[in-house]
C-alpha atoms as a PDB file:
ATOM      1  CA  TYR A   1       0.000   0.000   0.000  1.00  0.00           C
ATOM      2  CA  GLU A   2       2.744   2.454   0.968  1.00  0.00           C
ATOM      3  CA  THR A   3       4.577   1.874  -2.322  1.00  0.00           C
ATOM      4  CA  LEU A   4       1.410   2.403  -4.377  1.00  0.00           C
ATOM      5  CA  LYS A   5       0.430   5.447  -2.323  1.00  0.00           C
ATOM      6  CA  LYS A   6       3.586   7.307  -3.412  1.00  0.00           C
ATOM      7  CA  ASP A   7       2.475   7.258  -7.063  1.00  0.00           C
ATOM      8  CA  ASN A   8      -1.270   7.441  -6.284  1.00  0.00           C
ATOM      9  CA  PRO A   9      -1.786   9.859  -3.360  1.00  0.00           C
ATOM     10  CA  ASN A  10      -5.602   9.498  -3.498  1.00  0.00           C
ATOM     11  CA  LEU A  11      -5.439   5.717  -3.094  1.00  0.00           C
ATOM     12  CA  SER A  12      -7.238   4.503   0.018  1.00  0.00           C
ATOM     13  CA  LEU A  13      -6.446   1.399   2.015  1.00  0.00           C
ATOM     14  CA  GLY A  14     -10.076   0.336   1.560  1.00  0.00           C
ATOM     15  CA  THR A  15      -9.611   0.348  -2.216  1.00  0.00           C
ATOM     16  CA  VAL A  16      -6.562  -1.884  -1.896  1.00  0.00           C
ATOM     17  CA  TYR A  17      -8.425  -4.379   0.311  1.00  0.00           C
ATOM     18  CA  ARG A  18     -11.479  -4.403  -1.970  1.00  0.00           C
ATOM     19  CA  ASN A  19      -9.246  -5.202  -4.937  1.00  0.00           C
ATOM     20  CA  LEU A  20      -7.401  -7.895  -2.995  1.00  0.00           C
ATOM     21  CA  SER A  21     -10.771  -9.391  -2.054  1.00  0.00           C
ATOM     22  CA  GLN A  22     -11.785  -9.462  -5.721  1.00  0.00           C
ATOM     23  CA  LEU A  23      -8.517 -11.188  -6.658  1.00  0.00           C
ATOM     24  CA  VAL A  24      -9.177 -13.801  -3.951  1.00  0.00           C
ATOM     25  CA  ASP A  25     -12.782 -14.285  -5.127  1.00  0.00           C
ATOM     26  CA  HIS A  26     -11.591 -14.881  -8.701  1.00  0.00           C
ATOM     27  CA  GLY A  27      -8.869 -17.319  -7.628  1.00  0.00           C
ATOM     28  CA  PHE A  28      -5.848 -15.228  -8.648  1.00  0.00           C
ATOM     29  CA  ILE A  29      -4.421 -15.056  -5.102  1.00  0.00           C
ATOM     30  CA  LYS A  30      -5.068 -16.726  -1.729  1.00  0.00           C
ATOM     31  CA  LYS A  31      -5.658 -15.029   1.601  1.00  0.00           C
ATOM     32  CA  VAL A  32      -3.310 -16.436   4.229  1.00  0.00           C
ATOM     33  CA  SER A  33      -4.473 -16.107   7.831  1.00  0.00           C
ATOM     34  CA  ILE A  34      -1.870 -17.055  10.419  1.00  0.00           C
ATOM     35  CA  PRO A  35      -2.711 -16.579  14.118  1.00  0.00           C
ATOM     36  CA  GLY A  36      -0.774 -13.682  15.593  1.00  0.00           C
ATOM     37  CA  CYS A  37       0.014 -12.185  12.173  1.00  0.00           C
ATOM     38  CA  ALA A  38      -1.764  -9.739   9.912  1.00  0.00           C
ATOM     39  CA  ASP A  39      -3.544 -11.376   6.983  1.00  0.00           C
ATOM     40  CA  ARG A  40      -1.319 -11.728   3.947  1.00  0.00           C
ATOM     41  CA  PHE A  41      -2.049 -12.485   0.340  1.00  0.00           C
ATOM     42  CA  ASP A  42      -0.193 -15.168  -1.584  1.00  0.00           C
ATOM     43  CA  GLY A  43       0.178 -15.533  -5.339  1.00  0.00           C
ATOM     44  CA  HIS A  44       1.480 -19.099  -4.970  1.00  0.00           C
ATOM     45  CA  LEU A  45      -1.719 -21.050  -5.541  1.00  0.00           C
ATOM     46  CA  HIS A  46      -0.240 -24.553  -5.359  1.00  0.00           C
ATOM     47  CA  ASP A  47      -0.409 -26.429  -2.044  1.00  0.00           C
ATOM     48  CA  HIS A  48       2.414 -25.335   0.219  1.00  0.00           C
ATOM     49  CA  TYR A  49       3.022 -24.417   3.828  1.00  0.00           C
ATOM     50  CA  HIS A  50       4.358 -21.378   5.653  1.00  0.00           C
ATOM     51  CA  PHE A  51       7.022 -20.731   8.258  1.00  0.00           C
ATOM     52  CA  VAL A  52       6.723 -17.647  10.486  1.00  0.00           C
ATOM     53  CA  CYS A  53       9.847 -16.354  12.201  1.00  0.00           C
ATOM     54  CA  ASP A  54       8.980 -15.377  15.771  1.00  0.00           C
ATOM     55  CA  LYS A  55      11.962 -13.023  15.870  1.00  0.00           C
ATOM     56  CA  CYS A  56      11.724 -10.942  12.654  1.00  0.00           C
ATOM     57  CA  GLY A  57       8.135 -11.758  11.607  1.00  0.00           C
ATOM     58  CA  GLU A  58       9.131 -12.847   8.105  1.00  0.00           C
ATOM     59  CA  ILE A  59       6.868 -15.441   6.475  1.00  0.00           C
ATOM     60  CA  TYR A  60       8.483 -18.035   4.211  1.00  0.00           C
ATOM     61  CA  ASP A  61       6.861 -20.399   1.718  1.00  0.00           C
ATOM     62  CA  ILE A  62       7.727 -24.026   2.467  1.00  0.00           C
ATOM     63  CA  ASP A  63       7.611 -26.449  -0.462  1.00  0.00           C
ATOM     64  CA  SER A  64       8.567 -29.888   0.781  1.00  0.00           C
ATOM     65  CA  LYS A  65       8.060 -33.248  -0.910  1.00  0.00           C
ATOM     66  CA  SER A  66       7.658 -34.955   2.469  1.00  0.00           C
ATOM     67  CA  LEU A  67       4.934 -32.494   3.489  1.00  0.00           C
ATOM     68  CA  ASN A  68       3.074 -32.900   0.194  1.00  0.00           C
ATOM     69  CA  ASN A  69       2.001 -36.381   1.310  1.00  0.00           C
ATOM     70  CA  ILE A  70       0.205 -35.084   4.420  1.00  0.00           C
ATOM     71  CA  ASN A  71      -3.088 -34.391   2.620  1.00  0.00           C
ATOM     72  CA  THR A  72      -3.145 -37.832   0.995  1.00  0.00           C
ATOM     73  CA  SER A  73      -2.320 -39.559   4.287  1.00  0.00           C
ATOM     74  CA  VAL A  74      -5.007 -37.676   6.229  1.00  0.00           C
ATOM     75  CA  GLU A  75      -7.605 -38.319   3.518  1.00  0.00           C
ATOM     76  CA  SER A  76      -6.838 -42.054   3.506  1.00  0.00           C
ATOM     77  CA  GLU A  77      -6.616 -42.480   7.264  1.00  0.00           C
ATOM     78  CA  PHE A  78      -9.787 -40.559   8.134  1.00  0.00           C
ATOM     79  CA  GLY A  79     -11.899 -41.009   4.983  1.00  0.00           C
ATOM     80  CA  LEU A  80     -11.919 -37.287   4.217  1.00  0.00           C
ATOM     81  CA  GLN A  81     -11.711 -35.159   1.100  1.00  0.00           C
ATOM     82  CA  ILE A  82      -9.421 -32.190   1.724  1.00  0.00           C
ATOM     83  CA  THR A  83     -10.174 -29.126  -0.384  1.00  0.00           C
ATOM     84  CA  HIS A  84      -7.967 -26.591   1.408  1.00  0.00           C
ATOM     85  CA  THR A  85      -4.910 -26.783   3.628  1.00  0.00           C
ATOM     86  CA  ASN A  86      -3.626 -24.032   5.913  1.00  0.00           C
ATOM     87  CA  ILE A  87      -0.595 -25.237   7.854  1.00  0.00           C
ATOM     88  CA  SER A  88       2.068 -22.953   9.272  1.00  0.00           C
ATOM     89  CA  PHE A  89       5.186 -23.569  11.308  1.00  0.00           C
ATOM     90  CA  ARG A  90       6.666 -21.085  13.789  1.00  0.00           C
ATOM     91  CA  GLY A  91      10.186 -20.697  15.087  1.00  0.00           C
ATOM     92  CA  ILE A  92      13.409 -18.821  14.335  1.00  0.00           C
ATOM     93  CA  CYS A  93      14.479 -18.425  10.696  1.00  0.00           C
ATOM     94  CA  SER A  94      18.018 -19.193   9.540  1.00  0.00           C
ATOM     95  CA  LYS A  95      18.881 -15.482   9.194  1.00  0.00           C
ATOM     96  CA  CYS A  96      17.884 -14.693  12.795  1.00  0.00           C
ATOM     97  CA  LYS A  97      19.391 -17.925  14.091  1.00  0.00           C
ATOM     98  CA  ASN A  98      22.774 -16.961  12.624  1.00  0.00           C
ATOM     99  CA  ASN A  99      22.714 -13.396  14.007  1.00  0.00           C
END
């Protein structure tokens, strides 16, 4: 918003959120809600997970072959059909861990 506001001084935060909502509704982006964090919007539409650094607040996409089997395992074990997955991990990222 702040970056756009520099070039468009009349831009309101409400306009940005309405447009983000439209992009979510049309399937171009996903809304990511992580407890303790502000909602974020993600253009990576494939199944993946997130890692939140408790120190710097950065959110990382986690693409892991071993994690990709979780949905299939849960569906088989419990007789479910999973249509959406929202899993996040929390801890200290490698940048903060090394500082």
